[in-house]
Amino acid sequence: MVSIVRGMLLLAISAGIIPAAFAQAVPSFMSFQQTEKLADGLYAFRQGAYRSLFLVGKEGVIVTDPVSPKFAKAFRAEIAKITDQPVRYVVYSESHWDRISGGQIFKDEGAKFVAQQRCADNLRETPHPDVVPPDITYDQSYRVALGDQALDLHYFGPSLDTCLSVLVAQPAKMMMIVNLVIPPVAGVPWNPTIPDYHLYNLLPFFRSVEDLAKREGIDTVIGGFIAAGVGRDGKPFLQPSTGPVSVVTEQRIFWEKLMGAVKAQLDAGTPPREIIRKIDLTQFSSYPRYSERSIEILTRRIASLYITGR
């Protein structure tokens, strides 16, 4: 039987460590970077723990999330091995610096940058010298198309970040939900301390994504981060970059169980600090990246949601 390593290489990414630091932490069972063909015209590029997409159409290339200047330079070099088409669009999946820095190399060749409109607001409030501001913003949905390839962007309200876009590559019908869903199975968030979880809208967000997948006939999810597994021989390995769309429902169920457990304890009068000692942790211990400390952090955050409403 294959199980997921609970830590999922937390030595490398537990604090949101960017690829420059991750370079020293890449374990021996995985290469530092990898380019993978997922479907006709659709590719994934990974460096360290981070994975982004690029679509090669008849009229140019669409890329997502340049991550950092170092990542983007290697990203551009890998694209050049596959096509001499120019990069015409860069799509931001969110506004967090650790995913969208480094895009100037694409801007210099004339690419337009696309993001949900709240990302533009966030970046005006908290700019970063390595982040190129978006040229094009959208409200609810937007299609970036280049001939026979397109990337559909969908916004279902605040989730992780106020502006996270659900990305759907067409015609491959493959979905990426950066940070919130890491296939092949549901898991504990890789960094529960991120302050930008909007828990009040998380369950509606997941239901909207499930409806989208059903409506569009999507059956595959691509991981924006790596997941690691361990075989029967006890040796770790890098999990596939994709998984079944059912992982979206599984991730929603994780949040429903945890939120329900916290709410039940609050209703029973348990102080927020005591909730971790009252709930049954065995219902969460099989999830990848589980630790009691992570669940404790999440229970405190969820308790704050039910106390304050946000």
Protein backbone atom coordinates (compact mmCIF):
# COMPACT_ATOMS: atom_id res chain seq x y z
CA MET A 1 0.00 0.00 0.00
CA VAL A 2 1.11 3.53 -0.74
CA SER A 3 0.54 6.27 1.81
CA ILE A 4 1.24 9.98 1.71
CA VAL A 5 4.12 11.29 3.79
CA ARG A 6 2.40 13.38 6.42
CA GLY A 7 5.09 15.99 6.51
CA MET A 8 5.07 16.51 2.73
CA LEU A 9 8.58 17.89 2.93
CA LEU A 10 7.67 20.45 5.55
CA LEU A 11 11.38 21.02 6.09
CA ALA A 12 11.25 22.86 2.81
CA ILE A 13 7.92 24.63 2.66
CA SER A 14 6.39 24.79 6.13
CA ALA A 15 7.01 28.50 6.40
CA GLY A 16 6.28 29.33 2.79
CA ILE A 17 9.96 29.09 1.92
CA ILE A 18 10.56 30.37 -1.60
CA PRO A 19 12.47 28.31 -4.18
CA ALA A 20 15.77 30.12 -3.62
CA ALA A 21 15.89 28.72 -0.10
CA PHE A 22 14.29 25.44 -1.13
CA ALA A 23 17.26 24.72 -3.41
CA GLN A 24 19.27 23.59 -0.39
CA ALA A 25 16.44 21.42 0.93
CA VAL A 26 15.42 19.33 -2.10
CA PRO A 27 15.58 15.69 -1.00
CA SER A 28 17.54 13.15 -3.00
CA PHE A 29 14.51 11.25 -4.30
CA MET A 30 13.39 14.16 -6.52
CA SER A 31 15.05 16.35 -9.12
CA PHE A 32 15.32 20.07 -8.49
CA GLN A 33 13.19 20.88 -11.52
CA GLN A 34 10.99 19.09 -14.03
CA THR A 35 8.97 19.87 -17.15
CA GLU A 36 6.03 17.56 -17.82
CA LYS A 37 3.59 17.31 -20.71
CA LEU A 38 0.09 16.94 -19.28
CA ALA A 39 -1.93 17.08 -22.52
CA ASP A 40 -1.56 18.36 -26.08
CA GLY A 41 -0.28 21.90 -25.70
CA LEU A 42 -0.41 21.83 -21.88
CA TYR A 43 2.72 21.55 -19.76
CA ALA A 44 3.69 21.86 -16.10
CA PHE A 45 7.01 23.28 -14.95
CA ARG A 46 8.22 22.55 -11.43
CA GLN A 47 11.19 23.94 -9.57
CA GLY A 48 11.59 22.83 -5.98
CA ALA A 49 8.14 22.57 -4.41
CA TYR A 50 6.39 24.98 -6.77
CA ARG A 51 4.59 24.02 -9.99
CA SER A 52 3.23 26.35 -12.67
CA LEU A 53 1.58 25.78 -16.04
CA PHE A 54 2.22 26.84 -19.60
CA LEU A 55 0.00 26.41 -22.63
CA VAL A 56 1.46 26.44 -26.13
CA GLY A 57 -1.06 27.63 -28.70
CA LYS A 58 -0.84 28.49 -32.37
CA GLU A 59 -0.58 32.18 -31.55
CA GLY A 60 1.78 32.11 -28.57
CA VAL A 61 2.23 30.91 -25.00
CA ILE A 62 0.23 31.44 -21.82
CA VAL A 63 2.08 30.95 -18.51
CA THR A 64 0.93 30.99 -14.90
CA ASP A 65 2.66 32.15 -11.70
CA PRO A 66 6.33 33.02 -12.35
CA VAL A 67 7.10 32.42 -8.62
CA SER A 68 10.49 34.18 -8.43
CA PRO A 69 13.15 35.67 -10.75
CA LYS A 70 15.18 32.45 -10.55
CA PHE A 71 12.14 30.26 -11.21
CA ALA A 72 10.98 32.49 -14.09
CA LYS A 73 14.38 32.40 -15.80
CA ALA A 74 14.44 28.60 -15.72
CA PHE A 75 10.75 28.54 -16.70
CA ARG A 76 11.45 30.63 -19.81
CA ALA A 77 14.35 28.40 -20.78
CA GLU A 78 12.16 25.29 -20.57
CA ILE A 79 9.46 26.89 -22.70
CA ALA A 80 12.08 27.70 -25.34
CA LYS A 81 12.96 23.99 -25.58
CA ILE A 82 9.40 23.25 -26.68
CA THR A 83 8.42 26.25 -28.80
CA ASP A 84 9.85 29.43 -30.29
CA GLN A 85 6.48 31.16 -29.82
CA PRO A 86 6.54 34.27 -27.61
CA VAL A 87 4.93 34.35 -24.18
CA ARG A 88 1.90 36.56 -24.71
CA TYR A 89 0.10 36.23 -21.37
CA VAL A 90 1.07 35.67 -17.74
CA VAL A 91 -1.79 34.67 -15.44
CA TYR A 92 -1.62 35.19 -11.69
CA SER A 93 -3.56 32.63 -9.68
CA GLU A 94 -3.41 34.84 -6.56
CA SER A 95 -1.58 37.86 -5.15
CA HIS A 96 0.87 36.20 -2.75
CA TRP A 97 4.44 37.25 -3.52
CA ASP A 98 5.86 33.74 -3.26
CA ARG A 99 3.88 32.67 -6.36
CA ILE A 100 3.88 35.72 -8.61
CA SER A 101 7.29 37.37 -8.33
CA GLY A 102 9.78 37.30 -11.21
CA GLY A 103 7.55 38.09 -14.16
CA GLN A 104 9.67 40.89 -15.61
CA ILE A 105 11.42 38.46 -17.97
CA PHE A 106 8.03 37.86 -19.63
CA LYS A 107 7.04 41.53 -19.51
CA ASP A 108 10.23 42.37 -21.39
CA GLU A 109 9.09 40.23 -24.33
CA GLY A 110 5.70 41.94 -24.42
CA ALA A 111 3.49 39.67 -22.30
CA LYS A 112 0.28 40.98 -20.79
CA PHE A 113 -0.42 40.10 -17.14
CA VAL A 114 -3.88 38.90 -16.06
CA ALA A 115 -5.39 38.56 -12.57
CA GLN A 116 -8.65 38.81 -10.68
CA GLN A 117 -9.35 42.47 -9.94
CA ARG A 118 -8.86 42.18 -6.18
CA CYS A 119 -5.29 41.01 -6.83
CA ALA A 120 -4.58 44.40 -8.41
CA ASP A 121 -5.98 46.08 -5.30
CA ASN A 122 -3.83 43.90 -3.04
CA LEU A 123 -0.69 44.64 -5.01
CA ARG A 124 -1.31 48.37 -4.89
CA GLU A 125 -1.62 48.14 -1.12
CA THR A 126 1.37 45.80 -0.66
CA PRO A 127 3.62 46.12 -3.71
CA HIS A 128 6.78 44.11 -4.27
CA PRO A 129 9.65 45.16 -6.55
CA ASP A 130 9.72 41.76 -8.26
CA VAL A 131 5.97 41.59 -8.93
CA VAL A 132 4.68 43.02 -12.21
CA PRO A 133 1.25 44.63 -11.73
CA PRO A 134 -1.55 43.08 -13.83
CA ASP A 135 -2.50 44.76 -17.11
CA ILE A 136 -5.86 42.99 -17.38
CA THR A 137 -8.25 42.28 -14.50
CA TYR A 138 -11.58 40.49 -14.37
CA ASP A 139 -14.53 40.12 -12.01
CA GLN A 140 -16.21 36.68 -12.14
CA SER A 141 -14.73 34.83 -15.11
CA TYR A 142 -12.30 35.41 -17.94
CA ARG A 143 -10.80 33.43 -20.81
CA VAL A 144 -7.21 33.88 -22.00
CA ALA A 145 -7.08 32.31 -25.46
CA LEU A 146 -4.38 31.81 -28.06
CA GLY A 147 -5.67 29.82 -30.99
CA ASP A 148 -6.31 26.24 -29.99
CA GLN A 149 -5.35 26.70 -26.32
CA ALA A 150 -7.11 28.67 -23.59
CA LEU A 151 -6.99 29.18 -19.86
CA ASP A 152 -10.30 29.87 -18.16
CA LEU A 153 -10.22 31.84 -14.90
CA HIS A 154 -13.03 31.58 -12.37
CA TYR A 155 -13.51 33.59 -9.18
CA PHE A 156 -15.75 32.32 -6.38
CA GLY A 157 -14.97 34.89 -3.71
CA PRO A 158 -12.27 35.04 -1.03
CA SER A 159 -10.79 31.66 -0.14
CA LEU A 160 -7.05 31.53 0.28
CA ASP A 161 -6.21 35.15 -0.61
CA THR A 162 -9.01 37.53 -1.54
CA CYS A 163 -8.50 36.98 -5.27
CA LEU A 164 -7.62 33.33 -5.90
CA SER A 165 -8.55 32.20 -9.41
CA VAL A 166 -9.52 28.63 -10.22
CA LEU A 167 -7.63 27.85 -13.42
CA VAL A 168 -9.01 25.51 -16.08
CA ALA A 169 -6.86 24.59 -19.07
CA GLN A 170 -8.82 24.09 -22.28
CA PRO A 171 -9.35 21.89 -24.23
CA ALA A 172 -7.56 19.56 -21.77
CA LYS A 173 -10.20 20.27 -19.07
CA MET A 174 -7.63 20.15 -16.28
CA MET A 175 -8.00 22.32 -13.19
CA MET A 176 -5.51 23.93 -10.80
CA ILE A 177 -6.51 25.37 -7.41
CA VAL A 178 -3.23 26.68 -6.05
CA ASN A 179 -2.59 26.07 -2.32
CA LEU A 180 -6.08 24.87 -1.42
CA VAL A 181 -6.02 21.51 -3.23
CA ILE A 182 -2.83 19.45 -3.51
CA PRO A 183 -3.55 16.16 -5.27
CA PRO A 184 -3.60 13.20 -5.31
CA VAL A 185 -5.62 13.31 -2.05
CA ALA A 186 -7.00 15.88 0.38
CA GLY A 187 -4.73 17.00 3.18
CA VAL A 188 -4.05 19.38 6.04
CA PRO A 189 -2.98 22.81 4.72
CA TRP A 190 0.76 22.89 4.17
CA ASN A 191 1.04 26.13 6.15
CA PRO A 192 -1.86 26.69 8.59
CA THR A 193 -0.30 29.96 9.77
CA ILE A 194 -0.98 31.83 6.51
CA PRO A 195 -3.10 34.82 7.63
CA ASP A 196 -4.99 35.01 4.35
CA TYR A 197 -7.43 32.10 4.80
CA HIS A 198 -10.98 33.42 4.44
CA LEU A 199 -12.68 30.60 6.28
CA TYR A 200 -16.15 32.18 6.19
CA ASN A 201 -16.34 31.53 2.42
CA LEU A 202 -14.31 28.34 2.20
CA LEU A 203 -17.16 25.81 2.06
CA PRO A 204 -19.18 27.82 -0.50
CA PHE A 205 -15.95 28.16 -2.51
CA PHE A 206 -15.43 24.40 -2.64
CA ARG A 207 -19.07 23.76 -3.57
CA SER A 208 -18.77 26.27 -6.41
CA VAL A 209 -15.65 24.52 -7.67
CA GLU A 210 -17.43 21.16 -7.51
CA ASP A 211 -20.32 22.60 -9.52
CA LEU A 212 -17.86 24.01 -12.07
CA ALA A 213 -16.13 20.65 -12.46
CA LYS A 214 -19.44 18.86 -12.98
CA ARG A 215 -20.68 21.47 -15.42
CA GLU A 216 -17.48 21.52 -17.46
CA GLY A 217 -16.78 17.79 -17.36
CA ILE A 218 -13.46 18.27 -15.55
CA ASP A 219 -11.99 15.08 -14.10
CA THR A 220 -8.36 16.04 -13.33
CA VAL A 221 -6.75 18.44 -10.84
CA ILE A 222 -3.14 19.63 -11.14
CA GLY A 223 -1.12 20.34 -8.02
CA GLY A 224 0.42 23.79 -7.66
CA PHE A 225 2.72 22.27 -5.04
CA ILE A 226 4.37 18.89 -4.75
CA ALA A 227 3.12 15.99 -2.66
CA ALA A 228 5.36 13.17 -1.51
CA GLY A 229 4.54 9.54 -0.83
CA VAL A 230 6.23 6.51 0.67
CA GLY A 231 6.18 3.00 -0.79
CA ARG A 232 6.04 -0.42 0.83
CA ASP A 233 9.82 -0.41 0.94
CA GLY A 234 9.71 2.68 3.13
CA LYS A 235 11.34 4.87 0.50
CA PRO A 236 9.83 8.26 -0.30
CA PHE A 237 8.88 9.30 -3.81
CA LEU A 238 7.39 12.28 -5.59
CA GLN A 239 3.66 11.84 -6.16
CA PRO A 240 2.19 12.44 -9.64
CA SER A 241 1.43 16.06 -10.46
CA THR A 242 -2.25 15.33 -11.07
CA GLY A 243 -5.12 13.59 -9.30
CA PRO A 244 -8.85 12.94 -9.69
CA VAL A 245 -11.29 15.82 -9.36
CA SER A 246 -12.82 13.98 -6.40
CA VAL A 247 -9.99 15.45 -4.31
CA VAL A 248 -11.91 18.75 -4.34
CA THR A 249 -14.84 17.11 -2.56
CA GLU A 250 -12.48 15.29 -0.21
CA GLN A 251 -10.86 18.61 0.73
CA ARG A 252 -14.24 20.18 1.40
CA ILE A 253 -15.11 17.25 3.66
CA PHE A 254 -11.89 17.79 5.62
CA TRP A 255 -12.90 21.39 6.32
CA GLU A 256 -16.48 20.42 7.12
CA LYS A 257 -15.33 17.86 9.68
CA LEU A 258 -12.89 20.25 11.33
CA MET A 259 -15.28 23.19 11.36
CA GLY A 260 -18.07 20.98 12.68
CA ALA A 261 -15.88 19.65 15.48
CA VAL A 262 -14.87 23.16 16.54
CA LYS A 263 -18.44 24.48 16.39
CA ALA A 264 -19.70 21.60 18.52
CA GLN A 265 -17.14 22.35 21.22
CA LEU A 266 -17.88 26.07 21.20
CA ASP A 267 -21.59 25.31 21.50
CA ALA A 268 -20.77 23.09 24.49
CA GLY A 269 -18.96 25.99 26.16
CA THR A 270 -15.38 24.79 25.59
CA PRO A 271 -12.88 27.69 25.63
CA PRO A 272 -11.06 28.04 22.28
CA ARG A 273 -7.68 27.11 23.78
CA GLU A 274 -9.11 23.87 25.15
CA ILE A 275 -10.77 22.66 21.94
CA ILE A 276 -7.69 20.79 20.69
CA ARG A 277 -7.84 18.59 23.83
CA LYS A 278 -11.55 17.84 23.40
CA ILE A 279 -11.94 16.86 19.76
CA ASP A 280 -11.19 13.41 18.34
CA LEU A 281 -7.91 13.85 16.45
CA THR A 282 -8.00 10.37 14.94
CA GLN A 283 -10.46 11.59 12.31
CA PHE A 284 -7.72 13.88 10.97
CA SER A 285 -4.55 11.89 11.65
CA SER A 286 -4.65 9.99 8.35
CA TYR A 287 -4.58 13.16 6.25
CA PRO A 288 -1.26 14.10 4.63
CA ARG A 289 0.70 16.81 6.45
CA TYR A 290 -1.12 16.06 9.72
CA SER A 291 0.36 17.21 12.99
CA GLU A 292 -1.42 18.01 16.23
CA ARG A 293 0.15 21.45 16.17
CA SER A 294 -1.28 22.20 12.72
CA ILE A 295 -4.74 21.11 13.78
CA GLU A 296 -4.43 23.19 16.95
CA ILE A 297 -3.63 26.30 14.90
CA LEU A 298 -6.58 25.63 12.62
CA THR A 299 -8.98 25.04 15.53
CA ARG A 300 -8.04 28.40 17.01
CA ARG A 301 -8.60 30.09 13.68
CA ILE A 302 -11.94 28.37 13.13
CA ALA A 303 -13.02 29.26 16.67
CA SER A 304 -12.24 32.91 15.86
CA LEU A 305 -14.42 32.59 12.76
CA TYR A 306 -17.41 31.45 14.81
CA ILE A 307 -16.78 34.13 17.44
CA THR A 308 -16.22 37.09 15.11
CA GLY A 309 -18.06 36.00 11.94
CA ARG A 310 -14.95 36.27 9.75
